Amino acid sequence: RHLKIDPEAATRAANEKFTRRFRFIEQRLAGQGKTPAQSNLAEM
């Protein structure tokens, strides 16, 4: 409110960024024949 930021819009943008980056992870792992469940936190 003090910085005149719409918190809902900021949250939506953060969710979109997370989704975009996680899709990148999924695609890269798929290229290695793996899923996120077959990976580890350090690799992801």
PDB file of all heavy atoms in Angstrom:
ATOM      1  N   ARG A   1       0.835  -1.208   0.000  1.00  0.00           N
ATOM      2  CA  ARG A   1       0.000   0.000   0.000  1.00  0.00           C
ATOM      3  C   ARG A   1       0.867   1.253   0.000  1.00  0.00           C
ATOM      4  O   ARG A   1       0.646   2.174  -0.777  1.00  0.00           O
ATOM      5  CB  ARG A   1      -0.919  -0.009   1.227  1.00  0.00           C
ATOM      6  CG  ARG A   1      -1.852   1.188   1.315  1.00  0.00           C
ATOM      7  CD  ARG A   1      -2.746   1.100   2.542  1.00  0.00           C
ATOM      8  NE  ARG A   1      -2.023   1.145   3.793  1.00  0.00           N
ATOM      9  CZ  ARG A   1      -1.613   2.271   4.386  1.00  0.00           C
ATOM     10  NH1 ARG A   1      -1.843   3.450   3.827  1.00  0.00           N
ATOM     11  NH2 ARG A   1      -0.967   2.230   5.537  1.00  0.00           N
ATOM     12  N   HIS A   2       1.888   1.269   0.844  1.00  0.00           N
ATOM     13  CA  HIS A   2       2.783   2.432   0.920  1.00  0.00           C
ATOM     14  C   HIS A   2       3.524   2.667  -0.388  1.00  0.00           C
ATOM     15  O   HIS A   2       3.801   3.811  -0.749  1.00  0.00           O
ATOM     16  CB  HIS A   2       3.796   2.260   2.064  1.00  0.00           C
ATOM     17  CG  HIS A   2       3.235   2.595   3.403  1.00  0.00           C
ATOM     18  ND1 HIS A   2       3.104   3.875   3.863  1.00  0.00           N
ATOM     19  CD2 HIS A   2       2.758   1.789   4.384  1.00  0.00           C
ATOM     20  CE1 HIS A   2       2.578   3.860   5.068  1.00  0.00           C
ATOM     21  NE2 HIS A   2       2.355   2.608   5.416  1.00  0.00           N
ATOM     22  N   LEU A   3       3.859   1.589  -1.082  1.00  0.00           N
ATOM     23  CA  LEU A   3       4.635   1.706  -2.319  1.00  0.00           C
ATOM     24  C   LEU A   3       3.763   1.693  -3.570  1.00  0.00           C
ATOM     25  O   LEU A   3       4.270   1.653  -4.684  1.00  0.00           O
ATOM     26  CB  LEU A   3       5.669   0.574  -2.391  1.00  0.00           C
ATOM     27  CG  LEU A   3       6.723   0.612  -1.286  1.00  0.00           C
ATOM     28  CD1 LEU A   3       7.622  -0.610  -1.370  1.00  0.00           C
ATOM     29  CD2 LEU A   3       7.534   1.892  -1.339  1.00  0.00           C
ATOM     30  N   LYS A   4       2.440   1.698  -3.351  1.00  0.00           N
ATOM     31  CA  LYS A   4       1.467   1.719  -4.451  1.00  0.00           C
ATOM     32  C   LYS A   4       1.638   0.510  -5.383  1.00  0.00           C
ATOM     33  O   LYS A   4       1.623   0.621  -6.595  1.00  0.00           O
ATOM     34  CB  LYS A   4       1.536   3.031  -5.219  1.00  0.00           C
ATOM     35  CG  LYS A   4       1.351   4.238  -4.290  1.00  0.00           C
ATOM     36  CD  LYS A   4       0.812   5.431  -4.968  1.00  0.00           C
ATOM     37  CE  LYS A   4       0.655   6.648  -4.098  1.00  0.00           C
ATOM     38  NZ  LYS A   4       0.463   6.544  -2.702  1.00  0.00           N
ATOM     39  N   ILE A   5       1.810  -0.648  -4.762  1.00  0.00           N
ATOM     40  CA  ILE A   5       1.918  -1.922  -5.466  1.00  0.00           C
ATOM     41  C   ILE A   5       0.609  -2.674  -5.249  1.00  0.00           C
ATOM     42  O   ILE A   5       0.097  -2.721  -4.126  1.00  0.00           O
ATOM     43  CB  ILE A   5       3.090  -2.767  -4.900  1.00  0.00           C
ATOM     44  CG1 ILE A   5       4.418  -2.076  -5.163  1.00  0.00           C
ATOM     45  CG2 ILE A   5       3.079  -4.179  -5.466  1.00  0.00           C
ATOM     46  CD1 ILE A   5       5.591  -2.711  -4.426  1.00  0.00           C
ATOM     47  N   ASP A   6       0.075  -3.251  -6.303  1.00  0.00           N
ATOM     48  CA  ASP A   6      -1.110  -4.100  -6.175  1.00  0.00           C
ATOM     49  C   ASP A   6      -0.628  -5.472  -5.697  1.00  0.00           C
ATOM     50  O   ASP A   6       0.010  -6.209  -6.465  1.00  0.00           O
ATOM     51  CB  ASP A   6      -1.817  -4.210  -7.526  1.00  0.00           C
ATOM     52  CG  ASP A   6      -3.026  -5.122  -7.509  1.00  0.00           C
ATOM     53  OD1 ASP A   6      -3.230  -5.867  -6.522  1.00  0.00           O
ATOM     54  OD2 ASP A   6      -3.772  -5.109  -8.504  1.00  0.00           O
ATOM     55  N   PRO A   7      -0.892  -5.840  -4.429  1.00  0.00           N
ATOM     56  CA  PRO A   7      -0.351  -7.105  -3.913  1.00  0.00           C
ATOM     57  C   PRO A   7      -0.878  -8.331  -4.658  1.00  0.00           C
ATOM     58  O   PRO A   7      -0.156  -9.312  -4.807  1.00  0.00           O
ATOM     59  CB  PRO A   7      -0.764  -7.117  -2.444  1.00  0.00           C
ATOM     60  CG  PRO A   7      -1.818  -6.090  -2.304  1.00  0.00           C
ATOM     61  CD  PRO A   7      -1.667  -5.114  -3.424  1.00  0.00           C
ATOM     62  N   GLU A   8      -2.111  -8.275  -5.121  1.00  0.00           N
ATOM     63  CA  GLU A   8      -2.645  -9.421  -5.872  1.00  0.00           C
ATOM     64  C   GLU A   8      -1.935  -9.565  -7.214  1.00  0.00           C
ATOM     65  O   GLU A   8      -1.592 -10.681  -7.622  1.00  0.00           O
ATOM     66  CB  GLU A   8      -4.146  -9.275  -6.067  1.00  0.00           C
ATOM     67  CG  GLU A   8      -4.919  -9.464  -4.770  1.00  0.00           C
ATOM     68  CD  GLU A   8      -6.422  -9.391  -4.975  1.00  0.00           C
ATOM     69  OE1 GLU A   8      -6.900  -9.907  -6.001  1.00  0.00           O
ATOM     70  OE2 GLU A   8      -7.098  -8.826  -4.109  1.00  0.00           O
ATOM     71  N   ALA A   9      -1.700  -8.450  -7.897  1.00  0.00           N
ATOM     72  CA  ALA A   9      -0.984  -8.505  -9.174  1.00  0.00           C
ATOM     73  C   ALA A   9       0.451  -8.988  -8.962  1.00  0.00           C
ATOM     74  O   ALA A   9       0.972  -9.774  -9.756  1.00  0.00           O
ATOM     75  CB  ALA A   9      -0.996  -7.131  -9.852  1.00  0.00           C
ATOM     76  N   ALA A  10       1.077  -8.526  -7.879  1.00  0.00           N
ATOM     77  CA  ALA A  10       2.449  -8.955  -7.587  1.00  0.00           C
ATOM     78  C   ALA A  10       2.497 -10.453  -7.297  1.00  0.00           C
ATOM     79  O   ALA A  10       3.416 -11.152  -7.742  1.00  0.00           O
ATOM     80  CB  ALA A  10       3.003  -8.164  -6.407  1.00  0.00           C
ATOM     81  N   THR A  11       1.503 -10.954  -6.583  1.00  0.00           N
ATOM     82  CA  THR A  11       1.447 -12.383  -6.277  1.00  0.00           C
ATOM     83  C   THR A  11       1.198 -13.203  -7.538  1.00  0.00           C
ATOM     84  O   THR A  11       1.830 -14.244  -7.745  1.00  0.00           O
ATOM     85  CB  THR A  11       0.357 -12.673  -5.225  1.00  0.00           C
ATOM     86  OG1 THR A  11       0.660 -11.926  -4.044  1.00  0.00           O
ATOM     87  CG2 THR A  11       0.288 -14.151  -4.879  1.00  0.00           C
ATOM     88  N   ARG A  12       0.301 -12.727  -8.397  1.00  0.00           N
ATOM     89  CA  ARG A  12       0.061 -13.426  -9.662  1.00  0.00           C
ATOM     90  C   ARG A  12       1.340 -13.488 -10.491  1.00  0.00           C
ATOM     91  O   ARG A  12       1.681 -14.528 -11.057  1.00  0.00           O
ATOM     92  CB  ARG A  12      -1.046 -12.733 -10.463  1.00  0.00           C
ATOM     93  CG  ARG A  12      -2.447 -13.164 -10.084  1.00  0.00           C
ATOM     94  CD  ARG A  12      -3.485 -12.671 -11.078  1.00  0.00           C
ATOM     95  NE  ARG A  12      -3.529 -11.223 -11.208  1.00  0.00           N
ATOM     96  CZ  ARG A  12      -4.193 -10.410 -10.393  1.00  0.00           C
ATOM     97  NH1 ARG A  12      -4.867 -10.903  -9.371  1.00  0.00           N
ATOM     98  NH2 ARG A  12      -4.173  -9.104 -10.583  1.00  0.00           N
ATOM     99  N   ALA A  13       2.058 -12.362 -10.563  1.00  0.00           N
ATOM    100  CA  ALA A  13       3.305 -12.330 -11.337  1.00  0.00           C
ATOM    101  C   ALA A  13       4.338 -13.287 -10.745  1.00  0.00           C
ATOM    102  O   ALA A  13       5.047 -13.988 -11.485  1.00  0.00           O
ATOM    103  CB  ALA A  13       3.858 -10.909 -11.392  1.00  0.00           C
ATOM    104  N   ALA A  14       4.415 -13.355  -9.424  1.00  0.00           N
ATOM    105  CA  ALA A  14       5.357 -14.277  -8.779  1.00  0.00           C
ATOM    106  C   ALA A  14       4.976 -15.727  -9.068  1.00  0.00           C
ATOM    107  O   ALA A  14       5.849 -16.567  -9.314  1.00  0.00           O
ATOM    108  CB  ALA A  14       5.397 -14.024  -7.272  1.00  0.00           C
ATOM    109  N   ASN A  15       3.674 -16.028  -9.061  1.00  0.00           N
ATOM    110  CA  ASN A  15       3.215 -17.384  -9.380  1.00  0.00           C
ATOM    111  C   ASN A  15       3.546 -17.746 -10.819  1.00  0.00           C
ATOM    112  O   ASN A  15       3.970 -18.866 -11.112  1.00  0.00           O
ATOM    113  CB  ASN A  15       1.707 -17.519  -9.140  1.00  0.00           C
ATOM    114  CG  ASN A  15       1.363 -17.630  -7.678  1.00  0.00           C
ATOM    115  OD1 ASN A  15       2.168 -18.058  -6.876  1.00  0.00           O
ATOM    116  ND2 ASN A  15       0.152 -17.241  -7.337  1.00  0.00           N
ATOM    117  N   GLU A  16       3.359 -16.798 -11.733  1.00  0.00           N
ATOM    118  CA  GLU A  16       3.688 -17.042 -13.141  1.00  0.00           C
ATOM    119  C   GLU A  16       5.182 -17.287 -13.320  1.00  0.00           C
ATOM    120  O   GLU A  16       5.593 -18.168 -14.068  1.00  0.00           O
ATOM    121  CB  GLU A  16       3.222 -15.870 -13.996  1.00  0.00           C
ATOM    122  CG  GLU A  16       1.713 -15.783 -14.125  1.00  0.00           C
ATOM    123  CD  GLU A  16       1.223 -14.467 -14.719  1.00  0.00           C
ATOM    124  OE1 GLU A  16       2.065 -13.644 -15.171  1.00  0.00           O
ATOM    125  OE2 GLU A  16      -0.001 -14.253 -14.726  1.00  0.00           O
ATOM    126  N   LYS A  17       5.996 -16.505 -12.616  1.00  0.00           N
ATOM    127  CA  LYS A  17       7.446 -16.677 -12.695  1.00  0.00           C
ATOM    128  C   LYS A  17       7.845 -18.056 -12.157  1.00  0.00           C
ATOM    129  O   LYS A  17       8.648 -18.765 -12.769  1.00  0.00           O
ATOM    130  CB  LYS A  17       8.148 -15.564 -11.916  1.00  0.00           C
ATOM    131  CG  LYS A  17       9.657 -15.670 -11.918  1.00  0.00           C
ATOM    132  CD  LYS A  17      10.336 -14.452 -11.324  1.00  0.00           C
ATOM    133  CE  LYS A  17       9.895 -14.131  -9.940  1.00  0.00           C
ATOM    134  NZ  LYS A  17      10.629 -12.993  -9.343  1.00  0.00           N
ATOM    135  N   PHE A  18       7.248 -18.443 -11.037  1.00  0.00           N
ATOM    136  CA  PHE A  18       7.540 -19.760 -10.469  1.00  0.00           C
ATOM    137  C   PHE A  18       7.169 -20.863 -11.463  1.00  0.00           C
ATOM    138  O   PHE A  18       7.944 -21.783 -11.709  1.00  0.00           O
ATOM    139  CB  PHE A  18       6.788 -19.973  -9.153  1.00  0.00           C
ATOM    140  CG  PHE A  18       6.943 -21.368  -8.619  1.00  0.00           C
ATOM    141  CD1 PHE A  18       8.041 -21.703  -7.853  1.00  0.00           C
ATOM    142  CD2 PHE A  18       6.013 -22.357  -8.920  1.00  0.00           C
ATOM    143  CE1 PHE A  18       8.212 -23.005  -7.377  1.00  0.00           C
ATOM    144  CE2 PHE A  18       6.169 -23.653  -8.462  1.00  0.00           C
ATOM    145  CZ  PHE A  18       7.261 -23.973  -7.687  1.00  0.00           C
ATOM    146  N   THR A  19       5.960 -20.753 -12.030  1.00  0.00           N
ATOM    147  CA  THR A  19       5.490 -21.757 -12.981  1.00  0.00           C
ATOM    148  C   THR A  19       6.407 -21.846 -14.185  1.00  0.00           C
ATOM    149  O   THR A  19       6.771 -22.942 -14.624  1.00  0.00           O
ATOM    150  CB  THR A  19       4.047 -21.435 -13.433  1.00  0.00           C
ATOM    151  OG1 THR A  19       3.208 -21.432 -12.276  1.00  0.00           O
ATOM    152  CG2 THR A  19       3.540 -22.441 -14.448  1.00  0.00           C
ATOM    153  N   ARG A  20       6.819 -20.708 -14.710  1.00  0.00           N
ATOM    154  CA  ARG A  20       7.717 -20.666 -15.878  1.00  0.00           C
ATOM    155  C   ARG A  20       9.043 -21.352 -15.546  1.00  0.00           C
ATOM    156  O   ARG A  20       9.534 -22.184 -16.313  1.00  0.00           O
ATOM    157  CB  ARG A  20       7.932 -19.194 -16.258  1.00  0.00           C
ATOM    158  CG  ARG A  20       8.544 -18.932 -17.564  1.00  0.00           C
ATOM    159  CD  ARG A  20       8.519 -17.453 -17.935  1.00  0.00           C
ATOM    160  NE  ARG A  20       9.068 -16.567 -16.913  1.00  0.00           N
ATOM    161  CZ  ARG A  20       8.350 -15.669 -16.213  1.00  0.00           C
ATOM    162  NH1 ARG A  20       7.060 -15.531 -16.419  1.00  0.00           N
ATOM    163  NH2 ARG A  20       8.930 -14.906 -15.308  1.00  0.00           N
ATOM    164  N   ARG A  21       9.597 -21.043 -14.399  1.00  0.00           N
ATOM    165  CA  ARG A  21      10.886 -21.628 -14.022  1.00  0.00           C
ATOM    166  C   ARG A  21      10.763 -23.116 -13.726  1.00  0.00           C
ATOM    167  O   ARG A  21      11.651 -23.906 -14.073  1.00  0.00           O
ATOM    168  CB  ARG A  21      11.477 -20.882 -12.825  1.00  0.00           C
ATOM    169  CG  ARG A  21      11.939 -19.493 -13.197  1.00  0.00           C
ATOM    170  CD  ARG A  21      12.502 -18.752 -12.018  1.00  0.00           C
ATOM    171  NE  ARG A  21      12.886 -17.387 -12.397  1.00  0.00           N
ATOM    172  CZ  ARG A  21      13.278 -16.473 -11.536  1.00  0.00           C
ATOM    173  NH1 ARG A  21      13.371 -16.752 -10.247  1.00  0.00           N
ATOM    174  NH2 ARG A  21      13.602 -15.275 -11.962  1.00  0.00           N
ATOM    175  N   PHE A  22       9.656 -23.512 -13.100  1.00  0.00           N
ATOM    176  CA  PHE A  22       9.490 -24.931 -12.806  1.00  0.00           C
ATOM    177  C   PHE A  22       9.283 -25.726 -14.086  1.00  0.00           C
ATOM    178  O   PHE A  22       9.782 -26.849 -14.202  1.00  0.00           O
ATOM    179  CB  PHE A  22       8.343 -25.171 -11.817  1.00  0.00           C
ATOM    180  CG  PHE A  22       8.430 -26.522 -11.182  1.00  0.00           C
ATOM    181  CD1 PHE A  22       9.303 -26.761 -10.136  1.00  0.00           C
ATOM    182  CD2 PHE A  22       7.670 -27.577 -11.655  1.00  0.00           C
ATOM    183  CE1 PHE A  22       9.416 -28.022  -9.559  1.00  0.00           C
ATOM    184  CE2 PHE A  22       7.767 -28.839 -11.091  1.00  0.00           C
ATOM    185  CZ  PHE A  22       8.640 -29.061 -10.043  1.00  0.00           C
ATOM    186  N   ARG A  23       8.590 -25.145 -15.047  1.00  0.00           N
ATOM    187  CA  ARG A  23       8.440 -25.820 -16.353  1.00  0.00           C
ATOM    188  C   ARG A  23       9.803 -26.011 -17.015  1.00  0.00           C
ATOM    189  O   ARG A  23      10.062 -27.035 -17.649  1.00  0.00           O
ATOM    190  CB  ARG A  23       7.508 -25.028 -17.262  1.00  0.00           C
ATOM    191  CG  ARG A  23       6.063 -25.224 -16.920  1.00  0.00           C
ATOM    192  CD  ARG A  23       5.158 -24.609 -17.968  1.00  0.00           C
ATOM    193  NE  ARG A  23       3.787 -24.732 -17.542  1.00  0.00           N
ATOM    194  CZ  ARG A  23       2.899 -23.748 -17.556  1.00  0.00           C
ATOM    195  NH1 ARG A  23       3.238 -22.555 -18.005  1.00  0.00           N
ATOM    196  NH2 ARG A  23       1.670 -23.943 -17.144  1.00  0.00           N
ATOM    197  N   PHE A  24      10.674 -25.019 -16.878  1.00  0.00           N
ATOM    198  CA  PHE A  24      12.037 -25.133 -17.409  1.00  0.00           C
ATOM    199  C   PHE A  24      12.728 -26.338 -16.765  1.00  0.00           C
ATOM    200  O   PHE A  24      13.356 -27.150 -17.458  1.00  0.00           O
ATOM    201  CB  PHE A  24      12.808 -23.840 -17.121  1.00  0.00           C
ATOM    202  CG  PHE A  24      14.250 -23.890 -17.522  1.00  0.00           C
ATOM    203  CD1 PHE A  24      14.648 -23.546 -18.808  1.00  0.00           C
ATOM    204  CD2 PHE A  24      15.235 -24.281 -16.616  1.00  0.00           C
ATOM    205  CE1 PHE A  24      15.990 -23.593 -19.184  1.00  0.00           C
ATOM    206  CE2 PHE A  24      16.569 -24.321 -16.973  1.00  0.00           C
ATOM    207  CZ  PHE A  24      16.946 -23.977 -18.270  1.00  0.00           C
ATOM    208  N   ILE A  25      12.602 -26.452 -15.451  1.00  0.00           N
ATOM    209  CA  ILE A  25      13.206 -27.577 -14.733  1.00  0.00           C
ATOM    210  C   ILE A  25      12.647 -28.896 -15.255  1.00  0.00           C
ATOM    211  O   ILE A  25      13.401 -29.836 -15.548  1.00  0.00           O
ATOM    212  CB  ILE A  25      12.970 -27.452 -13.210  1.00  0.00           C
ATOM    213  CG1 ILE A  25      13.771 -26.284 -12.653  1.00  0.00           C
ATOM    214  CG2 ILE A  25      13.317 -28.752 -12.481  1.00  0.00           C
ATOM    215  CD1 ILE A  25      13.435 -25.927 -11.212  1.00  0.00           C
ATOM    216  N   GLU A  26      11.321 -28.977 -15.375  1.00  0.00           N
ATOM    217  CA  GLU A  26      10.693 -30.199 -15.871  1.00  0.00           C
ATOM    218  C   GLU A  26      11.187 -30.556 -17.269  1.00  0.00           C
ATOM    219  O   GLU A  26      11.470 -31.729 -17.554  1.00  0.00           O
ATOM    220  CB  GLU A  26       9.174 -30.044 -15.882  1.00  0.00           C
ATOM    221  CG  GLU A  26       8.553 -30.014 -14.503  1.00  0.00           C
ATOM    222  CD  GLU A  26       7.068 -29.737 -14.539  1.00  0.00           C
ATOM    223  OE1 GLU A  26       6.628 -28.865 -15.320  1.00  0.00           O
ATOM    224  OE2 GLU A  26       6.339 -30.406 -13.775  1.00  0.00           O
ATOM    225  N   GLN A  27      11.303 -29.551 -18.144  1.00  0.00           N
ATOM    226  CA  GLN A  27      11.761 -29.810 -19.514  1.00  0.00           C
ATOM    227  C   GLN A  27      13.206 -30.288 -19.533  1.00  0.00           C
ATOM    228  O   GLN A  27      13.550 -31.215 -20.273  1.00  0.00           O
ATOM    229  CB  GLN A  27      11.591 -28.555 -20.365  1.00  0.00           C
ATOM    230  CG  GLN A  27      10.147 -28.213 -20.651  1.00  0.00           C
ATOM    231  CD  GLN A  27       9.975 -26.839 -21.270  1.00  0.00           C
ATOM    232  OE1 GLN A  27      10.912 -26.048 -21.359  1.00  0.00           O
ATOM    233  NE2 GLN A  27       8.752 -26.542 -21.692  1.00  0.00           N
ATOM    234  N   ARG A  28      14.049 -29.645 -18.749  1.00  0.00           N
ATOM    235  CA  ARG A  28      15.462 -30.064 -18.721  1.00  0.00           C
ATOM    236  C   ARG A  28      15.611 -31.471 -18.162  1.00  0.00           C
ATOM    237  O   ARG A  28      16.391 -32.273 -18.674  1.00  0.00           O
ATOM    238  CB  ARG A  28      16.296 -29.066 -17.903  1.00  0.00           C
ATOM    239  CG  ARG A  28      16.442 -27.704 -18.547  1.00  0.00           C
ATOM    240  CD  ARG A  28      17.259 -27.756 -19.847  1.00  0.00           C
ATOM    241  NE  ARG A  28      18.574 -28.326 -19.663  1.00  0.00           N
ATOM    242  CZ  ARG A  28      19.671 -27.640 -19.325  1.00  0.00           C
ATOM    243  NH1 ARG A  28      19.613 -26.342 -19.183  1.00  0.00           N
ATOM    244  NH2 ARG A  28      20.806 -28.258 -19.153  1.00  0.00           N
ATOM    245  N   LEU A  29      14.852 -31.767 -17.107  1.00  0.00           N
ATOM    246  CA  LEU A  29      14.912 -33.118 -16.545  1.00  0.00           C
ATOM    247  C   LEU A  29      14.361 -34.142 -17.530  1.00  0.00           C
ATOM    248  O   LEU A  29      14.917 -35.234 -17.669  1.00  0.00           O
ATOM    249  CB  LEU A  29      14.140 -33.175 -15.219  1.00  0.00           C
ATOM    250  CG  LEU A  29      14.792 -32.462 -14.039  1.00  0.00           C
ATOM    251  CD1 LEU A  29      13.853 -32.445 -12.845  1.00  0.00           C
ATOM    252  CD2 LEU A  29      16.130 -33.081 -13.671  1.00  0.00           C
ATOM    253  N   ALA A  30      13.272 -33.790 -18.222  1.00  0.00           N
ATOM    254  CA  ALA A  30      12.692 -34.702 -19.215  1.00  0.00           C
ATOM    255  C   ALA A  30      13.709 -35.007 -20.308  1.00  0.00           C
ATOM    256  O   ALA A  30      13.772 -36.139 -20.808  1.00  0.00           O
ATOM    257  CB  ALA A  30      11.419 -34.097 -19.812  1.00  0.00           C
ATOM    258  N   GLY A  31      14.514 -34.024 -20.661  1.00  0.00           N
ATOM    259  CA  GLY A  31      15.565 -34.229 -21.647  1.00  0.00           C
ATOM    260  C   GLY A  31      16.600 -35.242 -21.186  1.00  0.00           C
ATOM    261  O   GLY A  31      17.306 -35.836 -21.994  1.00  0.00           O
ATOM    262  N   GLN A  32      16.674 -35.428 -19.882  1.00  0.00           N
ATOM    263  CA  GLN A  32      17.584 -36.420 -19.303  1.00  0.00           C
ATOM    264  C   GLN A  32      16.848 -37.722 -18.968  1.00  0.00           C
ATOM    265  O   GLN A  32      17.403 -38.613 -18.335  1.00  0.00           O
ATOM    266  CB  GLN A  32      18.208 -35.865 -18.013  1.00  0.00           C
ATOM    267  CG  GLN A  32      19.010 -34.609 -18.198  1.00  0.00           C
ATOM    268  CD  GLN A  32      19.399 -33.989 -16.859  1.00  0.00           C
ATOM    269  OE1 GLN A  32      19.455 -34.644 -15.826  1.00  0.00           O
ATOM    270  NE2 GLN A  32      19.659 -32.688 -16.872  1.00  0.00           N
ATOM    271  N   GLY A  33      15.563 -37.765 -19.355  1.00  0.00           N
ATOM    272  CA  GLY A  33      14.757 -38.951 -19.065  1.00  0.00           C
ATOM    273  C   GLY A  33      14.341 -39.055 -17.613  1.00  0.00           C
ATOM    274  O   GLY A  33      14.126 -40.162 -17.111  1.00  0.00           O
ATOM    275  N   LYS A  34      14.230 -37.904 -16.930  1.00  0.00           N
ATOM    276  CA  LYS A  34      13.900 -37.899 -15.509  1.00  0.00           C
ATOM    277  C   LYS A  34      12.681 -37.029 -15.233  1.00  0.00           C
ATOM    278  O   LYS A  34      12.322 -36.173 -16.034  1.00  0.00           O
ATOM    279  CB  LYS A  34      15.082 -37.344 -14.694  1.00  0.00           C
ATOM    280  CG  LYS A  34      16.319 -38.188 -14.759  1.00  0.00           C
ATOM    281  CD  LYS A  34      17.540 -37.485 -14.217  1.00  0.00           C
ATOM    282  CE  LYS A  34      17.516 -37.274 -12.738  1.00  0.00           C
ATOM    283  NZ  LYS A  34      18.782 -36.703 -12.240  1.00  0.00           N
ATOM    284  N   THR A  35      12.091 -37.240 -14.077  1.00  0.00           N
ATOM    285  CA  THR A  35      11.019 -36.391 -13.568  1.00  0.00           C
ATOM    286  C   THR A  35      11.551 -35.671 -12.331  1.00  0.00           C
ATOM    287  O   THR A  35      12.589 -36.078 -11.776  1.00  0.00           O
ATOM    288  CB  THR A  35       9.789 -37.222 -13.165  1.00  0.00           C
ATOM    289  OG1 THR A  35      10.149 -38.038 -12.038  1.00  0.00           O
ATOM    290  CG2 THR A  35       9.286 -38.091 -14.312  1.00  0.00           C
ATOM    291  N   PRO A  36      10.855 -34.650 -11.862  1.00  0.00           N
ATOM    292  CA  PRO A  36      11.293 -34.013 -10.621  1.00  0.00           C
ATOM    293  C   PRO A  36      11.376 -34.999  -9.447  1.00  0.00           C
ATOM    294  O   PRO A  36      12.281 -34.884  -8.620  1.00  0.00           O
ATOM    295  CB  PRO A  36      10.231 -32.936 -10.381  1.00  0.00           C
ATOM    296  CG  PRO A  36       9.791 -32.559 -11.757  1.00  0.00           C
ATOM    297  CD  PRO A  36       9.786 -33.875 -12.509  1.00  0.00           C
ATOM    298  N   ALA A  37      10.474 -35.959  -9.410  1.00  0.00           N
ATOM    299  CA  ALA A  37      10.509 -36.951  -8.328  1.00  0.00           C
ATOM    300  C   ALA A  37      11.768 -37.814  -8.378  1.00  0.00           C
ATOM    301  O   ALA A  37      12.195 -38.352  -7.357  1.00  0.00           O
ATOM    302  CB  ALA A  37       9.263 -37.833  -8.389  1.00  0.00           C
ATOM    303  N   GLN A  38      12.370 -37.922  -9.560  1.00  0.00           N
ATOM    304  CA  GLN A  38      13.586 -38.720  -9.722  1.00  0.00           C
ATOM    305  C   GLN A  38      14.843 -37.870  -9.573  1.00  0.00           C
ATOM    306  O   GLN A  38      15.951 -38.368  -9.732  1.00  0.00           O
ATOM    307  CB  GLN A  38      13.582 -39.395 -11.090  1.00  0.00           C
ATOM    308  CG  GLN A  38      12.459 -40.395 -11.268  1.00  0.00           C
ATOM    309  CD  GLN A  38      12.287 -40.812 -12.711  1.00  0.00           C
ATOM    310  OE1 GLN A  38      12.371 -39.991 -13.621  1.00  0.00           O
ATOM    311  NE2 GLN A  38      12.022 -42.094 -12.922  1.00  0.00           N
ATOM    312  N   SER A  39      14.649 -36.611  -9.287  1.00  0.00           N
ATOM    313  CA  SER A  39      15.762 -35.681  -9.124  1.00  0.00           C
ATOM    314  C   SER A  39      15.959 -35.405  -7.637  1.00  0.00           C
ATOM    315  O   SER A  39      15.289 -35.974  -6.790  1.00  0.00           O
ATOM    316  CB  SER A  39      15.442 -34.387  -9.882  1.00  0.00           C
ATOM    317  OG  SER A  39      16.513 -33.486  -9.807  1.00  0.00           O
ATOM    318  N   ASN A  40      16.897 -34.532  -7.339  1.00  0.00           N
ATOM    319  CA  ASN A  40      17.083 -34.114  -5.949  1.00  0.00           C
ATOM    320  C   ASN A  40      17.066 -32.590  -5.878  1.00  0.00           C
ATOM    321  O   ASN A  40      17.121 -31.901  -6.905  1.00  0.00           O
ATOM    322  CB  ASN A  40      18.367 -34.702  -5.358  1.00  0.00           C
ATOM    323  CG  ASN A  40      19.598 -34.252  -6.111  1.00  0.00           C
ATOM    324  OD1 ASN A  40      19.796 -33.071  -6.376  1.00  0.00           O
ATOM    325  ND2 ASN A  40      20.445 -35.205  -6.476  1.00  0.00           N
ATOM    326  N   LEU A  41      17.000 -32.087  -4.692  1.00  0.00           N
ATOM    327  CA  LEU A  41      16.876 -30.649  -4.492  1.00  0.00           C
ATOM    328  C   LEU A  41      18.069 -29.887  -5.061  1.00  0.00           C
ATOM    329  O   LEU A  41      17.902 -28.840  -5.683  1.00  0.00           O
ATOM    330  CB  LEU A  41      16.695 -30.336  -3.006  1.00  0.00           C
ATOM    331  CG  LEU A  41      16.384 -28.898  -2.656  1.00  0.00           C
ATOM    332  CD1 LEU A  41      15.132 -28.405  -3.373  1.00  0.00           C
ATOM    333  CD2 LEU A  41      16.216 -28.745  -1.154  1.00  0.00           C
ATOM    334  N   ALA A  42      19.256 -30.412  -4.898  1.00  0.00           N
ATOM    335  CA  ALA A  42      20.456 -29.727  -5.401  1.00  0.00           C
ATOM    336  C   ALA A  42      20.409 -29.606  -6.923  1.00  0.00           C
ATOM    337  O   ALA A  42      20.725 -28.546  -7.481  1.00  0.00           O
ATOM    338  CB  ALA A  42      21.713 -30.464  -4.953  1.00  0.00           C
ATOM    339  N   GLU A  43      20.008 -30.684  -7.593  1.00  0.00           N
ATOM    340  CA  GLU A  43      19.928 -30.667  -9.058  1.00  0.00           C
ATOM    341  C   GLU A  43      18.858 -29.674  -9.524  1.00  0.00           C
ATOM    342  O   GLU A  43      19.081 -28.884 -10.442  1.00  0.00           O
ATOM    343  CB  GLU A  43      19.609 -32.067  -9.577  1.00  0.00           C
ATOM    344  CG  GLU A  43      19.555 -32.164 -11.082  1.00  0.00           C
ATOM    345  CD  GLU A  43      19.277 -33.576 -11.564  1.00  0.00           C
ATOM    346  OE1 GLU A  43      18.705 -34.398 -10.804  1.00  0.00           O
ATOM    347  OE2 GLU A  43      19.630 -33.868 -12.718  1.00  0.00           O
ATOM    348  N   MET A  44      17.704 -29.708  -8.865  1.00  0.00           N
ATOM    349  CA  MET A  44      16.629 -28.799  -9.266  1.00  0.00           C
ATOM    350  C   MET A  44      16.980 -27.353  -8.945  1.00  0.00           C
ATOM    351  O   MET A  44      16.646 -26.445  -9.701  1.00  0.00           O
ATOM    352  CB  MET A  44      15.307 -29.210  -8.628  1.00  0.00           C
ATOM    353  CG  MET A  44      14.742 -30.474  -9.247  1.00  0.00           C
ATOM    354  SD  MET A  44      13.027 -30.830  -8.827  1.00  0.00           S
ATOM    355  CE  MET A  44      13.181 -31.266  -7.110  1.00  0.00           C
TER     356      MET A  44
END
